[in-house]
PDB file of N, CA and C in Angstrom:
ATOM      1  N   MET A   1      80.754  59.200  72.858  1.00  0.00           N
ATOM      2  CA  MET A   1      79.745  58.519  71.432  1.00  0.00           C
ATOM      3  C   MET A   1      80.003  60.061  70.632  1.00  0.00           C
ATOM      4  N   ALA A   2      79.830  59.765  69.060  1.00  0.00           N
ATOM      5  CA  ALA A   2      79.985  60.929  68.212  1.00  0.00           C
ATOM      6  C   ALA A   2      78.621  61.323  68.095  1.00  0.00           C
ATOM      7  N   SER A   3      78.539  62.414  68.011  1.00  0.00           N
ATOM      8  CA  SER A   3      77.077  62.734  67.555  1.00  0.00           C
ATOM      9  C   SER A   3      76.614  62.485  66.254  1.00  0.00           C
ATOM     10  N   ARG A   4      75.154  62.165  66.031  1.00  0.00           N
ATOM     11  CA  ARG A   4      74.551  61.903  64.579  1.00  0.00           C
ATOM     12  C   ARG A   4      74.913  62.713  64.094  1.00  0.00           C
ATOM     13  N   ARG A   5      75.709  63.891  64.021  1.00  0.00           N
ATOM     14  CA  ARG A   5      75.647  65.003  62.688  1.00  0.00           C
ATOM     15  C   ARG A   5      77.271  64.126  62.020  1.00  0.00           C
ATOM     16  N   ASP A   6      77.824  64.086  63.111  1.00  0.00           N
ATOM     17  CA  ASP A   6      79.203  63.940  62.716  1.00  0.00           C
ATOM     18  C   ASP A   6      79.470  62.256  61.862  1.00  0.00           C
ATOM     19  N   LEU A   7      78.504  61.461  62.640  1.00  0.00           N
ATOM     20  CA  LEU A   7      78.325  60.073  61.623  1.00  0.00           C
ATOM     21  C   LEU A   7      77.798  60.423  60.432  1.00  0.00           C
ATOM     22  N   LYS A   8      76.721  61.305  60.317  1.00  0.00           N
ATOM     23  CA  LYS A   8      76.484  61.250  58.947  1.00  0.00           C
ATOM     24  C   LYS A   8      77.502  62.045  58.044  1.00  0.00           C
ATOM     25  N   LYS A   9      78.146  62.382  58.760  1.00  0.00           N
ATOM     26  CA  LYS A   9      79.689  63.434  58.200  1.00  0.00           C
ATOM     27  C   LYS A   9      80.163  62.367  57.679  1.00  0.00           C
ATOM     28  N   THR A  10      80.426  61.421  58.260  1.00  0.00           N
ATOM     29  CA  THR A  10      82.054  60.544  57.857  1.00  0.00           C
ATOM     30  C   THR A  10      81.149  59.041  56.889  1.00  0.00           C
ATOM     31  N   VAL A  11      79.993  58.882  57.143  1.00  0.00           N
ATOM     32  CA  VAL A  11      79.617  58.397  55.923  1.00  0.00           C
ATOM     33  C   VAL A  11      78.999  59.012  55.092  1.00  0.00           C
ATOM     34  N   ASN A  12      78.739  60.405  54.561  1.00  0.00           N
ATOM     35  CA  ASN A  12      79.109  60.656  53.698  1.00  0.00           C
ATOM     36  C   ASN A  12      80.340  60.930  52.868  1.00  0.00           C
ATOM     37  N   TYR A  13      81.694  61.164  53.878  1.00  0.00           N
ATOM     38  CA  TYR A  13      82.537  61.331  52.984  1.00  0.00           C
ATOM     39  C   TYR A  13      83.149  60.391  52.088  1.00  0.00           C
ATOM     40  N   ILE A  14      83.237  58.582  53.685  1.00  0.00           N
ATOM     41  CA  ILE A  14      83.744  58.365  53.200  1.00  0.00           C
ATOM     42  C   ILE A  14      82.650  57.680  51.363  1.00  0.00           C
ATOM     43  N   ALA A  15      81.903  57.005  51.197  1.00  0.00           N
ATOM     44  CA  ALA A  15      80.351  57.348  50.546  1.00  0.00           C
ATOM     45  C   ALA A  15      81.143  58.389  49.480  1.00  0.00           C
ATOM     46  N   GLY A  16      81.519  59.462  49.494  1.00  0.00           N
ATOM     47  CA  GLY A  16      81.826  59.924  47.949  1.00  0.00           C
ATOM     48  C   GLY A  16      83.130  59.766  47.710  1.00  0.00           C
ATOM     49  N   GLU A  17      84.062  59.809  48.439  1.00  0.00           N
ATOM     50  CA  GLU A  17      85.828  58.677  48.356  1.00  0.00           C
ATOM     51  C   GLU A  17      85.382  57.583  47.540  1.00  0.00           C
ATOM     52  N   LEU A  18      84.806  56.539  48.352  1.00  0.00           N
ATOM     53  CA  LEU A  18      84.459  55.296  47.225  1.00  0.00           C
ATOM     54  C   LEU A  18      83.787  55.728  45.654  1.00  0.00           C
ATOM     55  N   PHE A  19      82.959  56.140  45.878  1.00  0.00           N
ATOM     56  CA  PHE A  19      82.308  57.526  44.366  1.00  0.00           C
ATOM     57  C   PHE A  19      83.273  57.856  43.346  1.00  0.00           C
ATOM     58  N   THR A  20      84.249  58.924  44.063  1.00  0.00           N
ATOM     59  CA  THR A  20      84.693  59.106  43.352  1.00  0.00           C
ATOM     60  C   THR A  20      86.218  58.480  42.806  1.00  0.00           C
ATOM     61  N   GLU A  21      86.713  57.190  43.954  1.00  0.00           N
ATOM     62  CA  GLU A  21      87.673  56.483  43.232  1.00  0.00           C
ATOM     63  C   GLU A  21      87.103  55.822  42.091  1.00  0.00           C
ATOM     64  N   CYS A  22      85.700  55.131  42.023  1.00  0.00           N
ATOM     65  CA  CYS A  22      84.865  54.063  41.043  1.00  0.00           C
ATOM     66  C   CYS A  22      85.190  54.887  39.623  1.00  0.00           C
ATOM     67  N   LEU A  23      84.971  56.580  39.771  1.00  0.00           N
ATOM     68  CA  LEU A  23      84.682  57.118  38.959  1.00  0.00           C
ATOM     69  C   LEU A  23      86.031  57.643  38.020  1.00  0.00           C
ATOM     70  N   ILE A  24      86.323  57.968  39.171  1.00  0.00           N
ATOM     71  CA  ILE A  24      88.722  57.951  38.258  1.00  0.00           C
ATOM     72  C   ILE A  24      89.152  56.800  37.904  1.00  0.00           C
ATOM     73  N   HIS A  25      88.634  55.949  38.291  1.00  0.00           N
ATOM     74  CA  HIS A  25      88.828  54.345  37.794  1.00  0.00           C
ATOM     75  C   HIS A  25      88.103  54.304  36.347  1.00  0.00           C
ATOM     76  N   SER A  26      87.117  54.710  36.505  1.00  0.00           N
ATOM     77  CA  SER A  26      86.198  53.545  34.533  1.00  0.00           C
ATOM     78  C   SER A  26      86.748  54.660  33.792  1.00  0.00           C
ATOM     79  N   LEU A  27      87.327  56.059  34.031  1.00  0.00           N
ATOM     80  CA  LEU A  27      87.736  57.140  33.184  1.00  0.00           C
ATOM     81  C   LEU A  27      89.062  57.190  32.984  1.00  0.00           C
ATOM     82  N   LEU A  28      89.936  56.545  34.058  1.00  0.00           N
ATOM     83  CA  LEU A  28      91.704  55.989  33.343  1.00  0.00           C
ATOM     84  C   LEU A  28      91.889  55.019  32.594  1.00  0.00           C
ATOM     85  N   PHE A  29      90.928  54.540  33.157  1.00  0.00           N
ATOM     86  CA  PHE A  29      91.456  52.941  32.534  1.00  0.00           C
ATOM     87  C   PHE A  29      90.179  52.237  31.732  1.00  0.00           C
ATOM     88  N   PRO A  30      91.030  52.714  30.620  1.00  0.00           N
ATOM     89  CA  PRO A  30      90.165  52.007  28.963  1.00  0.00           C
ATOM     90  C   PRO A  30      89.310  51.110  29.172  1.00  0.00           C
ATOM     91  N   THR A  31      89.642  49.738  30.263  1.00  0.00           N
ATOM     92  CA  THR A  31      89.415  48.384  29.587  1.00  0.00           C
ATOM     93  C   THR A  31      88.625  48.274  30.872  1.00  0.00           C
ATOM     94  N   THR A  32      87.616  49.855  31.590  1.00  0.00           N
ATOM     95  CA  THR A  32      86.748  49.258  32.331  1.00  0.00           C
ATOM     96  C   THR A  32      85.473  48.910  31.887  1.00  0.00           C
ATOM     97  N   ASP A  33      85.025  48.084  32.181  1.00  0.00           N
ATOM     98  CA  ASP A  33      83.590  47.863  31.964  1.00  0.00           C
ATOM     99  C   ASP A  33      82.495  49.208  32.728  1.00  0.00           C
ATOM    100  N   ARG A  34      82.166  50.043  31.577  1.00  0.00           N
ATOM    101  CA  ARG A  34      81.407  51.132  32.540  1.00  0.00           C
ATOM    102  C   ARG A  34      79.953  51.178  32.597  1.00  0.00           C
ATOM    103  N   GLU A  35      79.789  50.148  32.348  1.00  0.00           N
ATOM    104  CA  GLU A  35      78.377  49.280  32.834  1.00  0.00           C
ATOM    105  C   GLU A  35      78.070  48.736  34.197  1.00  0.00           C
ATOM    106  N   LYS A  36      79.649  48.393  34.425  1.00  0.00           N
ATOM    107  CA  LYS A  36      79.766  47.534  36.143  1.00  0.00           C
ATOM    108  C   LYS A  36      79.937  48.936  36.765  1.00  0.00           C
ATOM    109  N   ALA A  37      80.717  49.460  36.323  1.00  0.00           N
ATOM    110  CA  ALA A  37      81.352  51.213  37.160  1.00  0.00           C
ATOM    111  C   ALA A  37      79.979  51.674  37.106  1.00  0.00           C
ATOM    112  N   ASP A  38      79.025  51.840  35.982  1.00  0.00           N
ATOM    113  CA  ASP A  38      77.638  52.531  37.217  1.00  0.00           C
ATOM    114  C   ASP A  38      76.864  52.195  37.095  1.00  0.00           C
ATOM    115  N   GLU A  39      77.027  50.674  37.807  1.00  0.00           N
ATOM    116  CA  GLU A  39      75.988  50.146  38.459  1.00  0.00           C
ATOM    117  C   GLU A  39      76.933  50.147  40.124  1.00  0.00           C
ATOM    118  N   LEU A  40      78.030  49.903  39.919  1.00  0.00           N
ATOM    119  CA  LEU A  40      78.671  50.198  41.189  1.00  0.00           C
ATOM    120  C   LEU A  40      78.201  51.365  42.074  1.00  0.00           C
ATOM    121  N   MET A  41      78.831  52.690  41.026  1.00  0.00           N
ATOM    122  CA  MET A  41      78.416  54.272  41.645  1.00  0.00           C
ATOM    123  C   MET A  41      76.834  54.225  42.136  1.00  0.00           C
ATOM    124  N   ALA A  42      76.042  53.414  41.757  1.00  0.00           N
ATOM    125  CA  ALA A  42      74.425  53.636  41.498  1.00  0.00           C
ATOM    126  C   ALA A  42      74.352  53.217  43.524  1.00  0.00           C
ATOM    127  N   GLY A  43      74.720  51.794  43.584  1.00  0.00           N
ATOM    128  CA  GLY A  43      75.469  50.652  44.801  1.00  0.00           C
ATOM    129  C   GLY A  43      75.797  51.780  45.473  1.00  0.00           C
ATOM    130  N   ILE A  44      76.965  52.524  45.646  1.00  0.00           N
ATOM    131  CA  ILE A  44      77.387  53.288  46.697  1.00  0.00           C
ATOM    132  C   ILE A  44      76.179  54.597  46.972  1.00  0.00           C
ATOM    133  N   LEU A  45      75.735  54.800  45.953  1.00  0.00           N
ATOM    134  CA  LEU A  45      74.365  55.965  46.680  1.00  0.00           C
ATOM    135  C   LEU A  45      73.647  55.530  47.049  1.00  0.00           C
ATOM    136  N   ARG A  46      73.157  54.628  46.519  1.00  0.00           N
ATOM    137  CA  ARG A  46      71.780  54.235  47.959  1.00  0.00           C
ATOM    138  C   ARG A  46      72.456  53.720  49.037  1.00  0.00           C
ATOM    139  N   THR A  47      73.812  52.541  48.842  1.00  0.00           N
ATOM    140  CA  THR A  47      74.184  52.481  50.550  1.00  0.00           C
ATOM    141  C   THR A  47      74.127  53.343  51.004  1.00  0.00           C
ATOM    142  N   GLN A  48      74.902  54.962  50.955  1.00  0.00           N
ATOM    143  CA  GLN A  48      75.277  55.983  51.548  1.00  0.00           C
ATOM    144  C   GLN A  48      73.519  56.569  52.158  1.00  0.00           C
ATOM    145  N   ASP A  49      72.165  56.572  51.299  1.00  0.00           N
ATOM    146  CA  ASP A  49      71.203  56.865  51.588  1.00  0.00           C
ATOM    147  C   ASP A  49      70.339  55.665  52.695  1.00  0.00           C
ATOM    148  N   ASP A  50      71.126  54.653  52.034  1.00  0.00           N
ATOM    149  CA  ASP A  50      70.542  53.576  53.628  1.00  0.00           C
ATOM    150  C   ASP A  50      70.856  53.542  55.014  1.00  0.00           C
ATOM    151  N   PHE A  51      72.682  53.936  55.218  1.00  0.00           N
ATOM    152  CA  PHE A  51      73.410  54.093  56.554  1.00  0.00           C
ATOM    153  C   PHE A  51      72.572  55.861  56.942  1.00  0.00           C
ATOM    154  N   VAL A  52      72.634  56.801  56.136  1.00  0.00           N
ATOM    155  CA  VAL A  52      72.060  57.492  56.525  1.00  0.00           C
ATOM    156  C   VAL A  52      70.842  57.659  57.488  1.00  0.00           C
ATOM    157  N   LYS A  53      69.807  56.989  56.917  1.00  0.00           N
ATOM    158  CA  LYS A  53      68.450  56.765  56.857  1.00  0.00           C
ATOM    159  C   LYS A  53      68.473  56.093  59.126  1.00  0.00           C
ATOM    160  N   ARG A  54      69.533  54.872  58.319  1.00  0.00           N
ATOM    161  CA  ARG A  54      69.885  54.416  59.812  1.00  0.00           C
ATOM    162  C   ARG A  54      70.489  55.045  61.077  1.00  0.00           C
ATOM    163  N   ILE A  55      70.686  55.842  60.577  1.00  0.00           N
ATOM    164  CA  ILE A  55      71.375  56.623  61.962  1.00  0.00           C
ATOM    165  C   ILE A  55      70.044  57.593  62.479  1.00  0.00           C
ATOM    166  N   SER A  56      69.787  58.487  61.487  1.00  0.00           N
ATOM    167  CA  SER A  56      68.436  59.134  61.771  1.00  0.00           C
ATOM    168  C   SER A  56      66.893  58.360  62.788  1.00  0.00           C
ATOM    169  N   HIS A  57      67.322  56.944  62.738  1.00  0.00           N
ATOM    170  CA  HIS A  57      66.197  56.364  63.022  1.00  0.00           C
ATOM    171  C   HIS A  57      67.190  54.777  64.491  1.00  0.00           C
ATOM    172  N   THR A  58      67.785  55.289  65.406  1.00  0.00           N
ATOM    173  CA  THR A  58      68.607  54.681  66.229  1.00  0.00           C
ATOM    174  C   THR A  58      67.399  54.343  67.046  1.00  0.00           C
ATOM    175  N   GLU A  59      67.731  53.139  67.853  1.00  0.00           N
ATOM    176  CA  GLU A  59      66.343  52.103  68.586  1.00  0.00           C
ATOM    177  C   GLU A  59      66.857  52.625  70.105  1.00  0.00           C
ATOM    178  N   THR A  60      65.989  52.650  70.439  1.00  0.00           N
ATOM    179  CA  THR A  60      65.607  53.205  71.838  1.00  0.00           C
ATOM    180  C   THR A  60      65.991  52.510  72.952  1.00  0.00           C
ATOM    181  N   GLY A  61      66.875  52.830  73.633  1.00  0.00           N
ATOM    182  CA  GLY A  61      66.894  51.885  75.162  1.00  0.00           C
ATOM    183  C   GLY A  61      68.685  50.451  74.386  1.00  0.00           C
ATOM    184  N   ASN A  62      68.914  50.738  73.005  1.00  0.00           N
ATOM    185  CA  ASN A  62      69.868  49.288  72.830  1.00  0.00           C
ATOM    186  C   ASN A  62      70.820  50.552  72.281  1.00  0.00           C
ATOM    187  N   ALA A  63      71.008  51.952  72.095  1.00  0.00           N
ATOM    188  CA  ALA A  63      71.883  52.806  71.491  1.00  0.00           C
ATOM    189  C   ALA A  63      73.458  52.179  71.237  1.00  0.00           C
ATOM    190  N   LYS A  64      74.516  51.497  72.281  1.00  0.00           N
ATOM    191  CA  LYS A  64      74.689  51.041  71.942  1.00  0.00           C
ATOM    192  C   LYS A  64      75.504  49.669  71.253  1.00  0.00           C
ATOM    193  N   GLY A  65      74.502  48.993  71.592  1.00  0.00           N
ATOM    194  CA  GLY A  65      74.011  47.340  70.742  1.00  0.00           C
ATOM    195  C   GLY A  65      73.570  48.319  69.170  1.00  0.00           C
ATOM    196  N   PHE A  66      73.435  49.350  68.983  1.00  0.00           N
ATOM    197  CA  PHE A  66      72.596  49.618  67.626  1.00  0.00           C
ATOM    198  C   PHE A  66      74.034  49.926  66.396  1.00  0.00           C
ATOM    199  N   TYR A  67      74.571  50.972  67.050  1.00  0.00           N
ATOM    200  CA  TYR A  67      75.751  51.555  66.581  1.00  0.00           C
ATOM    201  C   TYR A  67      76.953  50.786  66.969  1.00  0.00           C
ATOM    202  N   LYS A  68      77.200  49.634  67.356  1.00  0.00           N
ATOM    203  CA  LYS A  68      77.958  48.610  67.089  1.00  0.00           C
ATOM    204  C   LYS A  68      77.386  47.821  65.760  1.00  0.00           C
ATOM    205  N   LYS A  69      76.327  47.448  65.594  1.00  0.00           N
ATOM    206  CA  LYS A  69      76.233  46.943  64.669  1.00  0.00           C
ATOM    207  C   LYS A  69      76.188  47.582  63.508  1.00  0.00           C
ATOM    208  N   PHE A  70      75.633  48.884  63.496  1.00  0.00           N
ATOM    209  CA  PHE A  70      75.753  49.576  62.542  1.00  0.00           C
ATOM    210  C   PHE A  70      77.363  49.670  62.037  1.00  0.00           C
ATOM    211  N   ARG A  71      78.208  50.203  62.651  1.00  0.00           N
ATOM    212  CA  ARG A  71      79.453  50.029  62.365  1.00  0.00           C
ATOM    213  C   ARG A  71      79.913  48.981  61.372  1.00  0.00           C
ATOM    214  N   ALA A  72      79.216  47.439  62.068  1.00  0.00           N
ATOM    215  CA  ALA A  72      80.017  46.385  61.257  1.00  0.00           C
ATOM    216  C   ALA A  72      79.059  46.618  60.094  1.00  0.00           C
ATOM    217  N   ASP A  73      78.235  46.399  59.985  1.00  0.00           N
ATOM    218  CA  ASP A  73      77.751  46.826  59.124  1.00  0.00           C
ATOM    219  C   ASP A  73      78.098  47.476  57.805  1.00  0.00           C
ATOM    220  N   PHE A  74      78.486  49.178  58.215  1.00  0.00           N
ATOM    221  CA  PHE A  74      79.033  49.854  57.464  1.00  0.00           C
ATOM    222  C   PHE A  74      80.521  49.284  56.969  1.00  0.00           C
ATOM    223  N   ASP A  75      81.028  48.383  57.977  1.00  0.00           N
ATOM    224  CA  ASP A  75      82.638  47.931  57.831  1.00  0.00           C
ATOM    225  C   ASP A  75      82.390  47.205  56.329  1.00  0.00           C
ATOM    226  N   ALA A  76      81.670  46.713  56.652  1.00  0.00           N
ATOM    227  CA  ALA A  76      81.284  45.260  55.975  1.00  0.00           C
ATOM    228  C   ALA A  76      81.459  45.707  54.738  1.00  0.00           C
ATOM    229  N   LYS A  77      80.097  46.828  54.409  1.00  0.00           N
ATOM    230  CA  LYS A  77      79.563  47.030  52.946  1.00  0.00           C
ATOM    231  C   LYS A  77      80.838  48.039  52.011  1.00  0.00           C
ATOM    232  N   VAL A  78      81.372  48.889  53.303  1.00  0.00           N
ATOM    233  CA  VAL A  78      82.891  49.635  52.636  1.00  0.00           C
ATOM    234  C   VAL A  78      84.225  48.346  52.346  1.00  0.00           C
ATOM    235  N   GLU A  79      83.959  47.564  52.726  1.00  0.00           N
ATOM    236  CA  GLU A  79      84.988  46.431  52.642  1.00  0.00           C
ATOM    237  C   GLU A  79      84.368  45.669  50.759  1.00  0.00           C
ATOM    238  N   GLU A  80      83.043  45.421  50.599  1.00  0.00           N
ATOM    239  CA  GLU A  80      82.748  45.111  49.278  1.00  0.00           C
ATOM    240  C   GLU A  80      82.754  45.441  48.290  1.00  0.00           C
ATOM    241  N   PHE A  81      82.634  47.243  48.552  1.00  0.00           N
ATOM    242  CA  PHE A  81      82.808  48.024  47.567  1.00  0.00           C
ATOM    243  C   PHE A  81      84.275  48.482  47.208  1.00  0.00           C
ATOM    244  N   VAL A  82      84.939  48.163  48.327  1.00  0.00           N
ATOM    245  CA  VAL A  82      86.321  48.933  47.962  1.00  0.00           C
ATOM    246  C   VAL A  82      86.996  47.353  47.005  1.00  0.00           C
ATOM    247  N   ASP A  83      86.538  45.958  47.127  1.00  0.00           N
ATOM    248  CA  ASP A  83      86.684  44.535  46.809  1.00  0.00           C
ATOM    249  C   ASP A  83      86.677  45.049  45.186  1.00  0.00           C
ATOM    250  N   ALA A  84      85.107  45.220  44.971  1.00  0.00           N
ATOM    251  CA  ALA A  84      84.569  45.554  43.241  1.00  0.00           C
ATOM    252  C   ALA A  84      85.531  47.073  43.185  1.00  0.00           C
ATOM    253  N   ILE A  85      85.853  47.767  43.464  1.00  0.00           N
ATOM    254  CA  ILE A  85      86.707  48.854  42.714  1.00  0.00           C
ATOM    255  C   ILE A  85      87.774  47.878  42.424  1.00  0.00           C
ATOM    256  N   GLY A  86      88.141  47.104  42.809  1.00  0.00           N
ATOM    257  CA  GLY A  86      89.825  46.428  42.991  1.00  0.00           C
ATOM    258  C   GLY A  86      89.153  45.733  41.752  1.00  0.00           C
ATOM    259  N   LYS A  87      88.372  44.991  41.079  1.00  0.00           N
ATOM    260  CA  LYS A  87      88.466  43.986  40.063  1.00  0.00           C
ATOM    261  C   LYS A  87      87.434  45.195  38.649  1.00  0.00           C
ATOM    262  N   LEU A  88      87.095  45.818  38.569  1.00  0.00           N
ATOM    263  CA  LEU A  88      86.803  47.283  37.557  1.00  0.00           C
ATOM    264  C   LEU A  88      87.818  46.465  36.684  1.00  0.00           C
ATOM    265  N   GLY A  89      88.958  46.562  36.758  1.00  0.00           N
ATOM    266  CA  GLY A  89      89.756  46.525  35.417  1.00  0.00           C
ATOM    267  C   GLY A  89      90.646  45.312  35.099  1.00  0.00           C
TER     268      GLY A  89
END
């Protein structure tokens, strides 16, 4: 099992990449709706904060189940953001 610090770094890295992708998409494509892009970037940052906080408050006695659910939730959110970035243009 990875350490909490490594997991937080991974969450921050992925959120940073999603944020950057959304920012670049909004700057390079003139047809992009800027308000939707701004809302999406704010959502990415809120999600990053939520997941980092969840890492800090692991359930005692059920660590394996906690991290399994954490990963499933995080993967679903990342996929949601990737789809939303794809629909910006």
